[in-house]
Amino acid sequence: MIRSGDLEGARVALEAARRNGASLVRLPFYLGTTEMLLGRPAHARRWLEEAVRREPAYAPARTNLARL
């Protein structure tokens, strides 16, 4: 969905995956990045901070968090 430009659709799908207990370690990163691209910095920060907490060495999460 993100590749096709449907960011809101991607956000909804990612949020559904989270609610359904998807065990993706990088789900907070994907949620945070999608929220960032949608122009929702407060929501993005919440998820990107969680992404960094889960995976401190994951540079893309740190980079996106710094962009906010």
PDB file of N, CA and C in Angstrom:
ATOM      1  N   MET A   1       0.802  -1.196   0.000  1.00  0.00           N
ATOM      2  CA  MET A   1       0.000   0.000   0.000  1.00  0.00           C
ATOM      3  C   MET A   1       0.849   1.267   0.000  1.00  0.00           C
ATOM      4  N   ILE A   2       1.932   1.232   0.734  1.00  0.00           N
ATOM      5  CA  ILE A   2       2.794   2.411   0.786  1.00  0.00           C
ATOM      6  C   ILE A   2       3.368   2.686  -0.598  1.00  0.00           C
ATOM      7  N   ARG A   3       3.794   1.640  -1.287  1.00  0.00           N
ATOM      8  CA  ARG A   3       4.357   1.826  -2.631  1.00  0.00           C
ATOM      9  C   ARG A   3       3.353   2.451  -3.585  1.00  0.00           C
ATOM     10  N   SER A   4       2.077   2.138  -3.413  1.00  0.00           N
ATOM     11  CA  SER A   4       1.058   2.701  -4.301  1.00  0.00           C
ATOM     12  C   SER A   4       0.611   4.079  -3.837  1.00  0.00           C
ATOM     13  N   GLY A   5       1.155   4.550  -2.705  1.00  0.00           N
ATOM     14  CA  GLY A   5       0.815   5.879  -2.211  1.00  0.00           C
ATOM     15  C   GLY A   5      -0.385   5.902  -1.277  1.00  0.00           C
ATOM     16  N   ASP A   6      -0.914   4.748  -0.931  1.00  0.00           N
ATOM     17  CA  ASP A   6      -2.067   4.682  -0.029  1.00  0.00           C
ATOM     18  C   ASP A   6      -1.583   4.614   1.412  1.00  0.00           C
ATOM     19  N   LEU A   7      -1.072   5.730   1.902  1.00  0.00           N
ATOM     20  CA  LEU A   7      -0.518   5.767   3.258  1.00  0.00           C
ATOM     21  C   LEU A   7      -1.577   5.515   4.314  1.00  0.00           C
ATOM     22  N   GLU A   8      -2.748   6.081   4.129  1.00  0.00           N
ATOM     23  CA  GLU A   8      -3.812   5.870   5.117  1.00  0.00           C
ATOM     24  C   GLU A   8      -4.232   4.402   5.143  1.00  0.00           C
ATOM     25  N   GLY A   9      -4.327   3.790   3.985  1.00  0.00           N
ATOM     26  CA  GLY A   9      -4.637   2.362   3.931  1.00  0.00           C
ATOM     27  C   GLY A   9      -3.569   1.529   4.615  1.00  0.00           C
ATOM     28  N   ALA A  10      -2.316   1.907   4.418  1.00  0.00           N
ATOM     29  CA  ALA A  10      -1.210   1.213   5.075  1.00  0.00           C
ATOM     30  C   ALA A  10      -1.304   1.380   6.585  1.00  0.00           C
ATOM     31  N   ARG A  11      -1.613   2.598   7.030  1.00  0.00           N
ATOM     32  CA  ARG A  11      -1.736   2.849   8.466  1.00  0.00           C
ATOM     33  C   ARG A  11      -2.842   1.990   9.075  1.00  0.00           C
ATOM     34  N   VAL A  12      -3.973   1.926   8.400  1.00  0.00           N
ATOM     35  CA  VAL A  12      -5.096   1.124   8.894  1.00  0.00           C
ATOM     36  C   VAL A  12      -4.707  -0.357   8.974  1.00  0.00           C
ATOM     37  N   ALA A  13      -4.037  -0.857   7.949  1.00  0.00           N
ATOM     38  CA  ALA A  13      -3.619  -2.259   7.937  1.00  0.00           C
ATOM     39  C   ALA A  13      -2.594  -2.548   9.031  1.00  0.00           C
ATOM     40  N   LEU A  14      -1.648  -1.643   9.218  1.00  0.00           N
ATOM     41  CA  LEU A  14      -0.645  -1.824  10.267  1.00  0.00           C
ATOM     42  C   LEU A  14      -1.285  -1.775  11.646  1.00  0.00           C
ATOM     43  N   GLU A  15      -2.204  -0.869  11.840  1.00  0.00           N
ATOM     44  CA  GLU A  15      -2.899  -0.759  13.124  1.00  0.00           C
ATOM     45  C   GLU A  15      -3.711  -2.027  13.392  1.00  0.00           C
ATOM     46  N   ALA A  16      -4.348  -2.571  12.366  1.00  0.00           N
ATOM     47  CA  ALA A  16      -5.098  -3.820  12.524  1.00  0.00           C
ATOM     48  C   ALA A  16      -4.150  -4.962  12.902  1.00  0.00           C
ATOM     49  N   ALA A  17      -3.005  -5.007  12.275  1.00  0.00           N
ATOM     50  CA  ALA A  17      -2.022  -6.035  12.603  1.00  0.00           C
ATOM     51  C   ALA A  17      -1.589  -5.913  14.063  1.00  0.00           C
ATOM     52  N   ARG A  18      -1.381  -4.692  14.512  1.00  0.00           N
ATOM     53  CA  ARG A  18      -0.990  -4.470  15.913  1.00  0.00           C
ATOM     54  C   ARG A  18      -2.093  -4.939  16.858  1.00  0.00           C
ATOM     55  N   ARG A  19      -3.334  -4.545  16.567  1.00  0.00           N
ATOM     56  CA  ARG A  19      -4.458  -4.935  17.422  1.00  0.00           C
ATOM     57  C   ARG A  19      -4.652  -6.451  17.463  1.00  0.00           C
ATOM     58  N   ASN A  20      -4.319  -7.108  16.365  1.00  0.00           N
ATOM     59  CA  ASN A  20      -4.476  -8.562  16.289  1.00  0.00           C
ATOM     60  C   ASN A  20      -3.276  -9.316  16.846  1.00  0.00           C
ATOM     61  N   GLY A  21      -2.315  -8.596  17.395  1.00  0.00           N
ATOM     62  CA  GLY A  21      -1.182  -9.232  18.064  1.00  0.00           C
ATOM     63  C   GLY A  21      -0.075  -9.708  17.148  1.00  0.00           C
ATOM     64  N   ALA A  22       0.082  -9.084  15.995  1.00  0.00           N
ATOM     65  CA  ALA A  22       1.172  -9.465  15.095  1.00  0.00           C
ATOM     66  C   ALA A  22       2.503  -9.375  15.834  1.00  0.00           C
ATOM     67  N   SER A  23       3.322 -10.372  15.657  1.00  0.00           N
ATOM     68  CA  SER A  23       4.586 -10.427  16.394  1.00  0.00           C
ATOM     69  C   SER A  23       5.758  -9.883  15.581  1.00  0.00           C
ATOM     70  N   LEU A  24       5.514  -8.835  14.833  1.00  0.00           N
ATOM     71  CA  LEU A  24       6.575  -8.213  14.040  1.00  0.00           C
ATOM     72  C   LEU A  24       7.378  -7.251  14.907  1.00  0.00           C
ATOM     73  N   VAL A  25       8.646  -7.508  15.054  1.00  0.00           N
ATOM     74  CA  VAL A  25       9.494  -6.651  15.874  1.00  0.00           C
ATOM     75  C   VAL A  25       9.495  -5.223  15.348  1.00  0.00           C
ATOM     76  N   ARG A  26       9.448  -5.053  14.045  1.00  0.00           N
ATOM     77  CA  ARG A  26       9.535  -3.717  13.451  1.00  0.00           C
ATOM     78  C   ARG A  26       8.182  -3.058  13.188  1.00  0.00           C
ATOM     79  N   LEU A  27       7.118  -3.627  13.696  1.00  0.00           N
ATOM     80  CA  LEU A  27       5.804  -3.020  13.499  1.00  0.00           C
ATOM     81  C   LEU A  27       5.753  -1.579  14.002  1.00  0.00           C
ATOM     82  N   PRO A  28       6.323  -1.254  15.172  1.00  0.00           N
ATOM     83  CA  PRO A  28       6.319   0.153  15.595  1.00  0.00           C
ATOM     84  C   PRO A  28       7.077   1.067  14.623  1.00  0.00           C
ATOM     85  N   PHE A  29       8.150   0.554  14.035  1.00  0.00           N
ATOM     86  CA  PHE A  29       8.882   1.347  13.052  1.00  0.00           C
ATOM     87  C   PHE A  29       8.005   1.642  11.843  1.00  0.00           C
ATOM     88  N   TYR A  30       7.318   0.617  11.347  1.00  0.00           N
ATOM     89  CA  TYR A  30       6.454   0.808  10.178  1.00  0.00           C
ATOM     90  C   TYR A  30       5.305   1.760  10.501  1.00  0.00           C
ATOM     91  N   LEU A  31       4.710   1.600  11.680  1.00  0.00           N
ATOM     92  CA  LEU A  31       3.632   2.510  12.088  1.00  0.00           C
ATOM     93  C   LEU A  31       4.153   3.942  12.213  1.00  0.00           C
ATOM     94  N   GLY A  32       5.288   4.094  12.873  1.00  0.00           N
ATOM     95  CA  GLY A  32       5.851   5.429  13.071  1.00  0.00           C
ATOM     96  C   GLY A  32       6.238   6.107  11.771  1.00  0.00           C
ATOM     97  N   THR A  33       6.826   5.351  10.886  1.00  0.00           N
ATOM     98  CA  THR A  33       7.225   5.924   9.602  1.00  0.00           C
ATOM     99  C   THR A  33       6.005   6.316   8.786  1.00  0.00           C
ATOM    100  N   THR A  34       4.984   5.485   8.804  1.00  0.00           N
ATOM    101  CA  THR A  34       3.756   5.808   8.078  1.00  0.00           C
ATOM    102  C   THR A  34       3.104   7.054   8.660  1.00  0.00           C
ATOM    103  N   GLU A  35       3.036   7.142   9.970  1.00  0.00           N
ATOM    104  CA  GLU A  35       2.467   8.336  10.618  1.00  0.00           C
ATOM    105  C   GLU A  35       3.293   9.579  10.273  1.00  0.00           C
ATOM    106  N   MET A  36       4.602   9.431  10.226  1.00  0.00           N
ATOM    107  CA  MET A  36       5.476  10.550   9.865  1.00  0.00           C
ATOM    108  C   MET A  36       5.159  11.025   8.449  1.00  0.00           C
ATOM    109  N   LEU A  37       5.022  10.087   7.519  1.00  0.00           N
ATOM    110  CA  LEU A  37       4.730  10.444   6.135  1.00  0.00           C
ATOM    111  C   LEU A  37       3.336  11.053   5.979  1.00  0.00           C
ATOM    112  N   LEU A  38       2.441  10.707   6.888  1.00  0.00           N
ATOM    113  CA  LEU A  38       1.093  11.285   6.875  1.00  0.00           C
ATOM    114  C   LEU A  38       1.049  12.665   7.544  1.00  0.00           C
ATOM    115  N   GLY A  39       2.179  13.094   8.103  1.00  0.00           N
ATOM    116  CA  GLY A  39       2.231  14.412   8.747  1.00  0.00           C
ATOM    117  C   GLY A  39       1.654  14.430  10.139  1.00  0.00           C
ATOM    118  N   ARG A  40       1.773  13.332  10.850  1.00  0.00           N
ATOM    119  CA  ARG A  40       1.255  13.212  12.217  1.00  0.00           C
ATOM    120  C   ARG A  40       2.418  12.976  13.177  1.00  0.00           C
ATOM    121  N   PRO A  41       3.170  14.017  13.469  1.00  0.00           N
ATOM    122  CA  PRO A  41       4.405  13.835  14.242  1.00  0.00           C
ATOM    123  C   PRO A  41       4.211  13.288  15.651  1.00  0.00           C
ATOM    124  N   ALA A  42       3.139  13.647  16.336  1.00  0.00           N
ATOM    125  CA  ALA A  42       2.939  13.133  17.700  1.00  0.00           C
ATOM    126  C   ALA A  42       2.727  11.623  17.680  1.00  0.00           C
ATOM    127  N   HIS A  43       1.921  11.151  16.743  1.00  0.00           N
ATOM    128  CA  HIS A  43       1.699   9.709  16.618  1.00  0.00           C
ATOM    129  C   HIS A  43       2.981   9.019  16.162  1.00  0.00           C
ATOM    130  N   ALA A  44       3.686   9.637  15.228  1.00  0.00           N
ATOM    131  CA  ALA A  44       4.936   9.067  14.725  1.00  0.00           C
ATOM    132  C   ALA A  44       5.954   8.932  15.849  1.00  0.00           C
ATOM    133  N   ARG A  45       6.075   9.961  16.661  1.00  0.00           N
ATOM    134  CA  ARG A  45       7.055   9.936  17.756  1.00  0.00           C
ATOM    135  C   ARG A  45       6.789   8.766  18.695  1.00  0.00           C
ATOM    136  N   ARG A  46       5.534   8.575  19.040  1.00  0.00           N
ATOM    137  CA  ARG A  46       5.174   7.484  19.957  1.00  0.00           C
ATOM    138  C   ARG A  46       5.680   6.141  19.421  1.00  0.00           C
ATOM    139  N   TRP A  47       5.408   5.872  18.150  1.00  0.00           N
ATOM    140  CA  TRP A  47       5.782   4.582  17.576  1.00  0.00           C
ATOM    141  C   TRP A  47       7.279   4.475  17.321  1.00  0.00           C
ATOM    142  N   LEU A  48       7.896   5.558  16.889  1.00  0.00           N
ATOM    143  CA  LEU A  48       9.334   5.495  16.623  1.00  0.00           C
ATOM    144  C   LEU A  48      10.137   5.368  17.917  1.00  0.00           C
ATOM    145  N   GLU A  49       9.675   5.982  18.991  1.00  0.00           N
ATOM    146  CA  GLU A  49      10.339   5.789  20.286  1.00  0.00           C
ATOM    147  C   GLU A  49      10.242   4.330  20.716  1.00  0.00           C
ATOM    148  N   GLU A  50       9.094   3.708  20.491  1.00  0.00           N
ATOM    149  CA  GLU A  50       8.936   2.286  20.801  1.00  0.00           C
ATOM    150  C   GLU A  50       9.844   1.440  19.909  1.00  0.00           C
ATOM    151  N   ALA A  51       9.964   1.813  18.646  1.00  0.00           N
ATOM    152  CA  ALA A  51      10.849   1.077  17.726  1.00  0.00           C
ATOM    153  C   ALA A  51      12.294   1.124  18.211  1.00  0.00           C
ATOM    154  N   VAL A  52      12.745   2.290  18.661  1.00  0.00           N
ATOM    155  CA  VAL A  52      14.116   2.435  19.165  1.00  0.00           C
ATOM    156  C   VAL A  52      14.283   1.661  20.471  1.00  0.00           C
ATOM    157  N   ARG A  53      13.255   1.672  21.307  1.00  0.00           N
ATOM    158  CA  ARG A  53      13.323   0.917  22.563  1.00  0.00           C
ATOM    159  C   ARG A  53      13.477  -0.584  22.269  1.00  0.00           C
ATOM    160  N   ARG A  54      12.739  -1.076  21.283  1.00  0.00           N
ATOM    161  CA  ARG A  54      12.794  -2.502  20.950  1.00  0.00           C
ATOM    162  C   ARG A  54      14.085  -2.891  20.248  1.00  0.00           C
ATOM    163  N   GLU A  55      14.582  -2.005  19.419  1.00  0.00           N
ATOM    164  CA  GLU A  55      15.748  -2.314  18.584  1.00  0.00           C
ATOM    165  C   GLU A  55      16.681  -1.107  18.561  1.00  0.00           C
ATOM    166  N   PRO A  56      17.425  -0.873  19.638  1.00  0.00           N
ATOM    167  CA  PRO A  56      18.251   0.339  19.742  1.00  0.00           C
ATOM    168  C   PRO A  56      19.261   0.529  18.613  1.00  0.00           C
ATOM    169  N   ALA A  57      19.720  -0.546  18.008  1.00  0.00           N
ATOM    170  CA  ALA A  57      20.736  -0.424  16.959  1.00  0.00           C
ATOM    171  C   ALA A  57      20.143  -0.241  15.564  1.00  0.00           C
ATOM    172  N   TYR A  58      18.821  -0.216  15.440  1.00  0.00           N
ATOM    173  CA  TYR A  58      18.190  -0.092  14.129  1.00  0.00           C
ATOM    174  C   TYR A  58      18.229   1.368  13.687  1.00  0.00           C
ATOM    175  N   ALA A  59      19.183   1.686  12.836  1.00  0.00           N
ATOM    176  CA  ALA A  59      19.448   3.066  12.422  1.00  0.00           C
ATOM    177  C   ALA A  59      18.257   3.764  11.754  1.00  0.00           C
ATOM    178  N   PRO A  60      17.492   3.108  10.880  1.00  0.00           N
ATOM    179  CA  PRO A  60      16.366   3.816  10.261  1.00  0.00           C
ATOM    180  C   PRO A  60      15.360   4.357  11.279  1.00  0.00           C
ATOM    181  N   ALA A  61      15.131   3.631  12.363  1.00  0.00           N
ATOM    182  CA  ALA A  61      14.206   4.124  13.391  1.00  0.00           C
ATOM    183  C   ALA A  61      14.769   5.378  14.053  1.00  0.00           C
ATOM    184  N   ARG A  62      16.044   5.355  14.370  1.00  0.00           N
ATOM    185  CA  ARG A  62      16.687   6.531  14.975  1.00  0.00           C
ATOM    186  C   ARG A  62      16.685   7.714  14.018  1.00  0.00           C
ATOM    187  N   THR A  63      16.937   7.462  12.755  1.00  0.00           N
ATOM    188  CA  THR A  63      16.950   8.523  11.741  1.00  0.00           C
ATOM    189  C   THR A  63      15.578   9.172  11.615  1.00  0.00           C
ATOM    190  N   ASN A  64      14.532   8.363  11.514  1.00  0.00           N
ATOM    191  CA  ASN A  64      13.190   8.930  11.384  1.00  0.00           C
ATOM    192  C   ASN A  64      12.787   9.675  12.642  1.00  0.00           C
ATOM    193  N   LEU A  65      13.152   9.173  13.788  1.00  0.00           N
ATOM    194  CA  LEU A  65      12.844   9.870  15.043  1.00  0.00           C
ATOM    195  C   LEU A  65      13.531  11.232  15.069  1.00  0.00           C
ATOM    196  N   ALA A  66      14.764  11.293  14.609  1.00  0.00           N
ATOM    197  CA  ALA A  66      15.498  12.557  14.582  1.00  0.00           C
ATOM    198  C   ALA A  66      14.886  13.559  13.606  1.00  0.00           C
ATOM    199  N   ARG A  67      14.188  13.094  12.595  1.00  0.00           N
ATOM    200  CA  ARG A  67      13.572  13.971  11.599  1.00  0.00           C
ATOM    201  C   ARG A  67      12.321  14.683  12.122  1.00  0.00           C
ATOM    202  N   LEU A  68      11.772  14.186  13.209  1.00  0.00           N
ATOM    203  CA  LEU A  68      10.527  14.784  13.713  1.00  0.00           C
ATOM    204  C   LEU A  68      10.755  16.118  14.381  1.00  0.00           C
TER     205      LEU A  68
END
